[in-house]
Amino acid sequence: EIDNQRITTTNVQACYSKLIKPSSPTSIKVKDKDGKVYTINS
């Protein structure tokens, strides 16, 4: 999950771009498969 949004077939590319190369400075919350949440800043 990225920012409480489950990664799906339709949004996986947008999620990848947001995570790796955001269009502007941002803070993102990501959740791993075990449910732990991490906050990362661009």
All heavy atoms as atom14 arrays in JSON, in Angstrom:
{
  "sequence": "EIDNQRITTTNVQACYSKLIKPSSPTSIKVKDKDGKVYTINS",
  "atom14_mask": [
    [1, 1, 1, 1, 1, 1, 1, 1, 1, 0, 0, 0, 0, 0],
    [1, 1, 1, 1, 1, 1, 1, 1, 0, 0, 0, 0, 0, 0],
    [1, 1, 1, 1, 1, 1, 1, 1, 0, 0, 0, 0, 0, 0],
    [1, 1, 1, 1, 1, 1, 1, 1, 0, 0, 0, 0, 0, 0],
    [1, 1, 1, 1, 1, 1, 1, 1, 1, 0, 0, 0, 0, 0],
    [1, 1, 1, 1, 1, 1, 1, 1, 1, 1, 1, 0, 0, 0],
    [1, 1, 1, 1, 1, 1, 1, 1, 0, 0, 0, 0, 0, 0],
    [1, 1, 1, 1, 1, 1, 1, 0, 0, 0, 0, 0, 0, 0],
    [1, 1, 1, 1, 1, 1, 1, 0, 0, 0, 0, 0, 0, 0],
    [1, 1, 1, 1, 1, 1, 1, 0, 0, 0, 0, 0, 0, 0],
    [1, 1, 1, 1, 1, 1, 1, 1, 0, 0, 0, 0, 0, 0],
    [1, 1, 1, 1, 1, 1, 1, 0, 0, 0, 0, 0, 0, 0],
    [1, 1, 1, 1, 1, 1, 1, 1, 1, 0, 0, 0, 0, 0],
    [1, 1, 1, 1, 1, 0, 0, 0, 0, 0, 0, 0, 0, 0],
    [1, 1, 1, 1, 1, 1, 0, 0, 0, 0, 0, 0, 0, 0],
    [1, 1, 1, 1, 1, 1, 1, 1, 1, 1, 1, 1, 0, 0],
    [1, 1, 1, 1, 1, 1, 0, 0, 0, 0, 0, 0, 0, 0],
    [1, 1, 1, 1, 1, 1, 1, 1, 1, 0, 0, 0, 0, 0],
    [1, 1, 1, 1, 1, 1, 1, 1, 0, 0, 0, 0, 0, 0],
    [1, 1, 1, 1, 1, 1, 1, 1, 0, 0, 0, 0, 0, 0],
    [1, 1, 1, 1, 1, 1, 1, 1, 1, 0, 0, 0, 0, 0],
    [1, 1, 1, 1, 1, 1, 1, 0, 0, 0, 0, 0, 0, 0],
    [1, 1, 1, 1, 1, 1, 0, 0, 0, 0, 0, 0, 0, 0],
    [1, 1, 1, 1, 1, 1, 0, 0, 0, 0, 0, 0, 0, 0],
    [1, 1, 1, 1, 1, 1, 1, 0, 0, 0, 0, 0, 0, 0],
    [1, 1, 1, 1, 1, 1, 1, 0, 0, 0, 0, 0, 0, 0],
    [1, 1, 1, 1, 1, 1, 0, 0, 0, 0, 0, 0, 0, 0],
    [1, 1, 1, 1, 1, 1, 1, 1, 0, 0, 0, 0, 0, 0],
    [1, 1, 1, 1, 1, 1, 1, 1, 1, 0, 0, 0, 0, 0],
    [1, 1, 1, 1, 1, 1, 1, 0, 0, 0, 0, 0, 0, 0],
    [1, 1, 1, 1, 1, 1, 1, 1, 1, 0, 0, 0, 0, 0],
    [1, 1, 1, 1, 1, 1, 1, 1, 0, 0, 0, 0, 0, 0],
    [1, 1, 1, 1, 1, 1, 1, 1, 1, 0, 0, 0, 0, 0],
    [1, 1, 1, 1, 1, 1, 1, 1, 0, 0, 0, 0, 0, 0],
    [1, 1, 1, 1, 0, 0, 0, 0, 0, 0, 0, 0, 0, 0],
    [1, 1, 1, 1, 1, 1, 1, 1, 1, 0, 0, 0, 0, 0],
    [1, 1, 1, 1, 1, 1, 1, 0, 0, 0, 0, 0, 0, 0],
    [1, 1, 1, 1, 1, 1, 1, 1, 1, 1, 1, 1, 0, 0],
    [1, 1, 1, 1, 1, 1, 1, 0, 0, 0, 0, 0, 0, 0],
    [1, 1, 1, 1, 1, 1, 1, 1, 0, 0, 0, 0, 0, 0],
    [1, 1, 1, 1, 1, 1, 1, 1, 0, 0, 0, 0, 0, 0],
    [1, 1, 1, 1, 1, 1, 0, 0, 0, 0, 0, 0, 0, 0]
  ],
  "atom14_positions": [
    [[0.83, -1.2, 0.0], [0.0, 0.0, 0.0], [0.87, 1.25, 0.0], [1.94, 1.27, 0.61], [-0.91, 0.05, 1.23], [-2.01, -0.99, 1.25], [-2.94, -0.81, 2.45], [-2.91, 0.28, 3.08], [-3.7, -1.75, 2.75], [0.0, 0.0, 0.0], [0.0, 0.0, 0.0], [0.0, 0.0, 0.0], [0.0, 0.0, 0.0], [0.0, 0.0, 0.0]],
    [[0.38, 2.29, -0.68], [1.02, 3.6, -0.66], [-0.04, 4.63, -0.32], [-1.06, 4.73, -1.01], [1.68, 3.92, -2.02], [2.84, 2.94, -2.28], [2.2, 5.36, -2.04], [3.54, 3.17, -3.59], [0.0, 0.0, 0.0], [0.0, 0.0, 0.0], [0.0, 0.0, 0.0], [0.0, 0.0, 0.0], [0.0, 0.0, 0.0], [0.0, 0.0, 0.0]],
    [[0.21, 5.38, 0.78], [-0.76, 6.37, 1.25], [-2.15, 5.78, 1.4], [-3.16, 6.33, 0.9], [-0.79, 7.59, 0.32], [0.44, 8.48, 0.5], [1.09, 8.37, 1.55], [0.75, 9.26, -0.41], [0.0, 0.0, 0.0], [0.0, 0.0, 0.0], [0.0, 0.0, 0.0], [0.0, 0.0, 0.0], [0.0, 0.0, 0.0], [0.0, 0.0, 0.0]],
    [[-2.21, 4.62, 2.06], [-3.47, 3.93, 2.36], [-4.21, 3.44, 1.11], [-5.39, 3.08, 1.19], [-4.41, 4.83, 3.18], [-3.81, 5.21, 4.52], [-3.25, 4.37, 5.22], [-3.91, 6.49, 4.86], [0.0, 0.0, 0.0], [0.0, 0.0, 0.0], [0.0, 0.0, 0.0], [0.0, 0.0, 0.0], [0.0, 0.0, 0.0], [0.0, 0.0, 0.0]],
    [[-3.53, 3.41, -0.01], [-4.14, 2.93, -1.24], [-3.52, 1.59, -1.62], [-2.31, 1.48, -1.8], [-3.92, 3.95, -2.37], [-4.59, 3.54, -3.68], [-4.35, 4.57, -4.78], [-3.36, 5.29, -4.76], [-5.26, 4.64, -5.73], [0.0, 0.0, 0.0], [0.0, 0.0, 0.0], [0.0, 0.0, 0.0], [0.0, 0.0, 0.0], [0.0, 0.0, 0.0]],
    [[-4.35, 0.58, -1.71], [-3.88, -0.75, -2.09], [-3.37, -0.73, -3.52], [-3.98, -0.13, -4.42], [-5.03, -1.76, -1.97], [-4.69, -3.17, -2.39], [-3.82, -3.87, -1.38], [-3.17, -5.02, -1.95], [-2.46, -5.9, -1.26], [-2.33, -5.75, 0.04], [-1.87, -6.92, -1.83], [0.0, 0.0, 0.0], [0.0, 0.0, 0.0], [0.0, 0.0, 0.0]],
    [[-2.22, -1.36, -3.77], [-1.67, -1.44, -5.11], [-2.46, -2.47, -5.92], [-2.63, -3.61, -5.48], [-0.18, -1.81, -5.08], [0.61, -0.73, -4.3], [0.38, -1.95, -6.49], [2.06, -1.07, -4.07], [0.0, 0.0, 0.0], [0.0, 0.0, 0.0], [0.0, 0.0, 0.0], [0.0, 0.0, 0.0], [0.0, 0.0, 0.0], [0.0, 0.0, 0.0]],
    [[-2.95, -2.03, -7.07], [-3.8, -2.88, -7.9], [-3.27, -2.95, -9.33], [-2.29, -2.29, -9.68], [-5.25, -2.34, -7.94], [-5.23, -1.08, -8.64], [-5.81, -2.15, -6.55], [0.0, 0.0, 0.0], [0.0, 0.0, 0.0], [0.0, 0.0, 0.0], [0.0, 0.0, 0.0], [0.0, 0.0, 0.0], [0.0, 0.0, 0.0], [0.0, 0.0, 0.0]],
    [[-3.98, -3.73, -10.15], [-3.61, -3.86, -11.55], [-3.58, -2.51, -12.25], [-2.7, -2.23, -13.05], [-4.61, -4.77, -12.29], [-4.75, -5.98, -11.56], [-4.16, -5.06, -13.7], [0.0, 0.0, 0.0], [0.0, 0.0, 0.0], [0.0, 0.0, 0.0], [0.0, 0.0, 0.0], [0.0, 0.0, 0.0], [0.0, 0.0, 0.0], [0.0, 0.0, 0.0]],
    [[-4.55, -1.66, -11.93], [-4.69, -0.41, -12.66], [-3.8, 0.72, -12.15], [-3.48, 1.63, -12.9], [-6.16, 0.07, -12.6], [-6.57, 0.18, -11.23], [-7.08, -0.91, -13.33], [0.0, 0.0, 0.0], [0.0, 0.0, 0.0], [0.0, 0.0, 0.0], [0.0, 0.0, 0.0], [0.0, 0.0, 0.0], [0.0, 0.0, 0.0], [0.0, 0.0, 0.0]],
    [[-3.37, 0.65, -10.89], [-2.59, 1.78, -10.37], [-1.13, 1.46, -10.08], [-0.41, 2.3, -9.55], [-3.25, 2.34, -9.09], [-3.15, 1.38, -7.9], [-2.41, 0.41, -7.91], [-3.93, 1.67, -6.85], [0.0, 0.0, 0.0], [0.0, 0.0, 0.0], [0.0, 0.0, 0.0], [0.0, 0.0, 0.0], [0.0, 0.0, 0.0], [0.0, 0.0, 0.0]],
    [[-0.69, 0.26, -10.42], [0.66, -0.14, -10.03], [1.72, 0.76, -10.65], [2.71, 1.11, -10.01], [0.91, -1.63, -10.38], [0.81, -1.87, -11.88], [2.26, -2.08, -9.84], [0.0, 0.0, 0.0], [0.0, 0.0, 0.0], [0.0, 0.0, 0.0], [0.0, 0.0, 0.0], [0.0, 0.0, 0.0], [0.0, 0.0, 0.0], [0.0, 0.0, 0.0]],
    [[1.52, 1.16, -11.91], [2.51, 2.03, -12.55], [2.55, 3.4, -11.88], [3.62, 3.96, -11.62], [2.19, 2.18, -14.04], [3.22, 3.0, -14.82], [4.55, 2.3, -14.92], [4.67, 1.25, -15.56], [5.58, 2.85, -14.29], [0.0, 0.0, 0.0], [0.0, 0.0, 0.0], [0.0, 0.0, 0.0], [0.0, 0.0, 0.0], [0.0, 0.0, 0.0]],
    [[1.39, 3.95, -11.57], [1.32, 5.25, -10.91], [1.93, 5.19, -9.51], [2.62, 6.12, -9.08], [-0.13, 5.73, -10.83], [0.0, 0.0, 0.0], [0.0, 0.0, 0.0], [0.0, 0.0, 0.0], [0.0, 0.0, 0.0], [0.0, 0.0, 0.0], [0.0, 0.0, 0.0], [0.0, 0.0, 0.0], [0.0, 0.0, 0.0], [0.0, 0.0, 0.0]],
    [[1.7, 4.08, -8.81], [2.28, 3.9, -7.47], [3.79, 3.84, -7.54], [4.49, 4.42, -6.7], [1.72, 2.64, -6.82], [0.0, 2.78, -6.27], [0.0, 0.0, 0.0], [0.0, 0.0, 0.0], [0.0, 0.0, 0.0], [0.0, 0.0, 0.0], [0.0, 0.0, 0.0], [0.0, 0.0, 0.0], [0.0, 0.0, 0.0], [0.0, 0.0, 0.0]],
    [[4.29, 3.13, -8.54], [5.74, 3.02, -8.7], [6.34, 4.4, -8.93], [7.33, 4.78, -8.31], [6.08, 2.09, -9.85], [7.56, 1.99, -10.13], [8.34, 1.05, -9.47], [8.19, 2.85, -11.02], [9.7, 0.97, -9.69], [9.55, 2.78, -11.24], [10.31, 1.84, -10.59], [11.65, 1.77, -10.8], [0.0, 0.0, 0.0], [0.0, 0.0, 0.0]],
    [[5.74, 5.17, -9.85], [6.26, 6.49, -10.17], [6.21, 7.42, -8.96], [7.13, 8.19, -8.72], [5.47, 7.09, -11.33], [5.61, 6.31, -12.5], [0.0, 0.0, 0.0], [0.0, 0.0, 0.0], [0.0, 0.0, 0.0], [0.0, 0.0, 0.0], [0.0, 0.0, 0.0], [0.0, 0.0, 0.0], [0.0, 0.0, 0.0], [0.0, 0.0, 0.0]],
    [[5.14, 7.34, -8.19], [5.01, 8.17, -7.01], [6.06, 7.83, -5.97], [6.61, 8.71, -5.3], [3.62, 7.99, -6.4], [3.33, 8.89, -5.2], [1.9, 8.71, -4.71], [1.59, 9.65, -3.56], [0.19, 9.49, -3.07], [0.0, 0.0, 0.0], [0.0, 0.0, 0.0], [0.0, 0.0, 0.0], [0.0, 0.0, 0.0], [0.0, 0.0, 0.0]],
    [[6.39, 6.55, -5.87], [7.35, 6.1, -4.88], [8.78, 6.42, -5.29], [9.59, 6.87, -4.47], [7.21, 4.59, -4.68], [8.15, 3.92, -3.67], [7.88, 4.45, -2.28], [7.97, 2.41, -3.71], [0.0, 0.0, 0.0], [0.0, 0.0, 0.0], [0.0, 0.0, 0.0], [0.0, 0.0, 0.0], [0.0, 0.0, 0.0], [0.0, 0.0, 0.0]],
    [[9.1, 6.21, -6.56], [10.48, 6.33, -7.02], [10.82, 7.72, -7.52], [11.91, 8.24, -7.28], [10.76, 5.3, -8.14], [10.56, 3.88, -7.61], [12.16, 5.45, -8.7], [11.5, 3.5, -6.49], [0.0, 0.0, 0.0], [0.0, 0.0, 0.0], [0.0, 0.0, 0.0], [0.0, 0.0, 0.0], [0.0, 0.0, 0.0], [0.0, 0.0, 0.0]],
    [[9.87, 8.35, -8.22], [10.17, 9.63, -8.84], [8.97, 10.56, -8.73], [8.28, 10.83, -9.73], [10.56, 9.42, -10.31], [11.31, 10.56, -10.94], [11.77, 10.19, -12.34], [12.58, 11.3, -12.97], [13.03, 10.94, -14.35], [0.0, 0.0, 0.0], [0.0, 0.0, 0.0], [0.0, 0.0, 0.0], [0.0, 0.0, 0.0], [0.0, 0.0, 0.0]],
    [[8.68, 11.08, -7.53], [7.52, 11.95, -7.37], [7.68, 13.24, -8.15], [8.79, 13.72, -8.37], [7.48, 12.21, -5.86], [8.88, 11.98, -5.4], [9.43, 10.9, -6.28], [0.0, 0.0, 0.0], [0.0, 0.0, 0.0], [0.0, 0.0, 0.0], [0.0, 0.0, 0.0], [0.0, 0.0, 0.0], [0.0, 0.0, 0.0], [0.0, 0.0, 0.0]],
    [[6.56, 13.83, -8.57], [6.6, 15.04, -9.38], [6.93, 16.28, -8.57], [7.29, 17.31, -9.12], [5.25, 15.23, -10.09], [4.19, 15.3, -9.14], [0.0, 0.0, 0.0], [0.0, 0.0, 0.0], [0.0, 0.0, 0.0], [0.0, 0.0, 0.0], [0.0, 0.0, 0.0], [0.0, 0.0, 0.0], [0.0, 0.0, 0.0], [0.0, 0.0, 0.0]],
    [[6.79, 16.2, -7.25], [7.09, 17.34, -6.38], [7.5, 16.8, -5.01], [7.25, 15.64, -4.7], [5.87, 18.25, -6.26], [4.78, 17.55, -5.7], [0.0, 0.0, 0.0], [0.0, 0.0, 0.0], [0.0, 0.0, 0.0], [0.0, 0.0, 0.0], [0.0, 0.0, 0.0], [0.0, 0.0, 0.0], [0.0, 0.0, 0.0], [0.0, 0.0, 0.0]],
    [[8.13, 17.65, -4.19], [8.5, 17.2, -2.83], [7.28, 16.68, -2.09], [6.22, 17.29, -2.11], [9.06, 18.46, -2.19], [9.55, 19.28, -3.34], [8.58, 19.02, -4.46], [0.0, 0.0, 0.0], [0.0, 0.0, 0.0], [0.0, 0.0, 0.0], [0.0, 0.0, 0.0], [0.0, 0.0, 0.0], [0.0, 0.0, 0.0], [0.0, 0.0, 0.0]],
    [[7.45, 15.55, -1.44], [6.29, 14.94, -0.81], [6.71, 14.0, 0.31], [7.87, 13.62, 0.42], [5.47, 14.16, -1.86], [4.26, 13.68, -1.26], [6.25, 12.97, -2.39], [0.0, 0.0, 0.0], [0.0, 0.0, 0.0], [0.0, 0.0, 0.0], [0.0, 0.0, 0.0], [0.0, 0.0, 0.0], [0.0, 0.0, 0.0], [0.0, 0.0, 0.0]],
    [[5.76, 13.64, 1.13], [5.94, 12.62, 2.17], [4.97, 11.5, 1.87], [3.78, 11.75, 1.61], [5.66, 13.22, 3.55], [5.78, 12.24, 4.55], [0.0, 0.0, 0.0], [0.0, 0.0, 0.0], [0.0, 0.0, 0.0], [0.0, 0.0, 0.0], [0.0, 0.0, 0.0], [0.0, 0.0, 0.0], [0.0, 0.0, 0.0], [0.0, 0.0, 0.0]],
    [[5.45, 10.27, 1.88], [4.64, 9.12, 1.48], [4.66, 8.08, 2.59], [5.7, 7.79, 3.17], [5.17, 8.5, 0.18], [5.15, 9.51, -0.96], [4.37, 7.25, -0.21], [5.82, 9.01, -2.23], [0.0, 0.0, 0.0], [0.0, 0.0, 0.0], [0.0, 0.0, 0.0], [0.0, 0.0, 0.0], [0.0, 0.0, 0.0], [0.0, 0.0, 0.0]],
    [[3.5, 7.52, 2.85], [3.41, 6.39, 3.78], [3.29, 5.1, 2.97], [2.43, 5.0, 2.1], [2.21, 6.55, 4.71], [2.34, 7.7, 5.69], [1.18, 7.71, 6.67], [1.28, 8.88, 7.63], [2.49, 8.77, 8.5], [0.0, 0.0, 0.0], [0.0, 0.0, 0.0], [0.0, 0.0, 0.0], [0.0, 0.0, 0.0], [0.0, 0.0, 0.0]],
    [[4.15, 4.15, 3.28], [4.09, 2.86, 2.6], [3.89, 1.75, 3.63], [4.38, 1.84, 4.75], [5.37, 2.59, 1.77], [5.57, 3.65, 0.7], [6.61, 2.51, 2.66], [0.0, 0.0, 0.0], [0.0, 0.0, 0.0], [0.0, 0.0, 0.0], [0.0, 0.0, 0.0], [0.0, 0.0, 0.0], [0.0, 0.0, 0.0], [0.0, 0.0, 0.0]],
    [[3.15, 0.74, 3.23], [2.88, -0.38, 4.13], [3.43, -1.65, 3.5], [3.24, -1.92, 2.32], [1.37, -0.54, 4.36], [1.01, -1.69, 5.31], [-0.5, -1.86, 5.42], [-1.13, -0.74, 6.21], [-2.57, -1.01, 6.46], [0.0, 0.0, 0.0], [0.0, 0.0, 0.0], [0.0, 0.0, 0.0], [0.0, 0.0, 0.0], [0.0, 0.0, 0.0]],
    [[4.15, -2.45, 4.31], [4.66, -3.71, 3.79], [3.62, -4.81, 3.96], [2.53, -4.58, 4.55], [6.0, -4.08, 4.44], [5.89, -4.4, 5.93], [4.77, -4.66, 6.41], [6.93, -4.4, 6.61], [0.0, 0.0, 0.0], [0.0, 0.0, 0.0], [0.0, 0.0, 0.0], [0.0, 0.0, 0.0], [0.0, 0.0, 0.0], [0.0, 0.0, 0.0]],
    [[3.94, -5.99, 3.45], [2.94, -7.07, 3.45], [2.6, -7.55, 4.86], [1.58, -8.22, 5.06], [3.44, -8.24, 2.61], [4.64, -8.98, 3.19], [4.97, -10.19, 2.33], [6.1, -11.0, 2.95], [6.41, -12.21, 2.17], [0.0, 0.0, 0.0], [0.0, 0.0, 0.0], [0.0, 0.0, 0.0], [0.0, 0.0, 0.0], [0.0, 0.0, 0.0]],
    [[3.45, -7.2, 5.85], [3.16, -7.57, 7.23], [2.37, -6.49, 7.97], [2.1, -6.63, 9.17], [4.47, -7.85, 7.97], [5.23, -9.02, 7.38], [4.56, -10.01, 7.01], [6.47, -8.95, 7.28], [0.0, 0.0, 0.0], [0.0, 0.0, 0.0], [0.0, 0.0, 0.0], [0.0, 0.0, 0.0], [0.0, 0.0, 0.0], [0.0, 0.0, 0.0]],
    [[2.02, -5.4, 7.27], [1.2, -4.36, 7.86], [1.96, -3.23, 8.53], [1.34, -2.3, 9.07], [0.0, 0.0, 0.0], [0.0, 0.0, 0.0], [0.0, 0.0, 0.0], [0.0, 0.0, 0.0], [0.0, 0.0, 0.0], [0.0, 0.0, 0.0], [0.0, 0.0, 0.0], [0.0, 0.0, 0.0], [0.0, 0.0, 0.0], [0.0, 0.0, 0.0]],
    [[3.29, -3.25, 8.5], [4.06, -2.19, 9.11], [4.11, -0.99, 8.18], [4.31, -1.13, 6.98], [5.48, -2.66, 9.43], [6.3, -1.63, 10.2], [7.64, -2.17, 10.63], [8.43, -1.12, 11.4], [9.75, -1.63, 11.86], [0.0, 0.0, 0.0], [0.0, 0.0, 0.0], [0.0, 0.0, 0.0], [0.0, 0.0, 0.0], [0.0, 0.0, 0.0]],
    [[3.96, 0.2, 8.75], [3.91, 1.43, 7.96], [5.22, 2.21, 8.13], [5.73, 2.36, 9.25], [2.71, 2.31, 8.38], [2.72, 3.63, 7.61], [1.4, 1.57, 8.14], [0.0, 0.0, 0.0], [0.0, 0.0, 0.0], [0.0, 0.0, 0.0], [0.0, 0.0, 0.0], [0.0, 0.0, 0.0], [0.0, 0.0, 0.0], [0.0, 0.0, 0.0]],
    [[5.72, 2.72, 7.02], [6.94, 3.53, 7.01], [6.62, 4.86, 6.34], [5.88, 4.92, 5.36], [8.05, 2.84, 6.22], [8.38, 1.44, 6.66], [7.6, 0.36, 6.25], [9.49, 1.18, 7.46], [7.9, -0.94, 6.65], [9.8, -0.12, 7.86], [9.0, -1.17, 7.45], [9.3, -2.44, 7.83], [0.0, 0.0, 0.0], [0.0, 0.0, 0.0]],
    [[7.19, 5.93, 6.86], [7.02, 7.25, 6.25], [8.33, 7.68, 5.62], [9.35, 7.77, 6.3], [6.59, 8.3, 7.28], [5.35, 7.89, 7.88], [6.4, 9.66, 6.62], [0.0, 0.0, 0.0], [0.0, 0.0, 0.0], [0.0, 0.0, 0.0], [0.0, 0.0, 0.0], [0.0, 0.0, 0.0], [0.0, 0.0, 0.0], [0.0, 0.0, 0.0]],
    [[8.3, 7.92, 4.32], [9.51, 8.33, 3.62], [9.28, 9.68, 2.95], [8.18, 9.99, 2.5], [9.97, 7.29, 2.57], [8.85, 6.98, 1.58], [10.44, 6.02, 3.26], [9.27, 6.01, 0.49], [0.0, 0.0, 0.0], [0.0, 0.0, 0.0], [0.0, 0.0, 0.0], [0.0, 0.0, 0.0], [0.0, 0.0, 0.0], [0.0, 0.0, 0.0]],
    [[10.33, 10.49, 2.92], [10.25, 11.83, 2.37], [11.1, 11.95, 1.12], [12.23, 11.44, 1.07], [10.73, 12.86, 3.41], [9.92, 12.79, 4.69], [8.7, 12.88, 4.66], [10.61, 12.6, 5.82], [0.0, 0.0, 0.0], [0.0, 0.0, 0.0], [0.0, 0.0, 0.0], [0.0, 0.0, 0.0], [0.0, 0.0, 0.0], [0.0, 0.0, 0.0]],
    [[10.56, 12.62, 0.12], [11.34, 12.85, -1.09], [12.28, 14.03, -0.86], [12.06, 14.87, 0.02], [10.42, 13.14, -2.27], [9.72, 14.36, -2.06], [0.0, 0.0, 0.0], [0.0, 0.0, 0.0], [0.0, 0.0, 0.0], [0.0, 0.0, 0.0], [0.0, 0.0, 0.0], [0.0, 0.0, 0.0], [0.0, 0.0, 0.0], [0.0, 0.0, 0.0]]
  ]
}
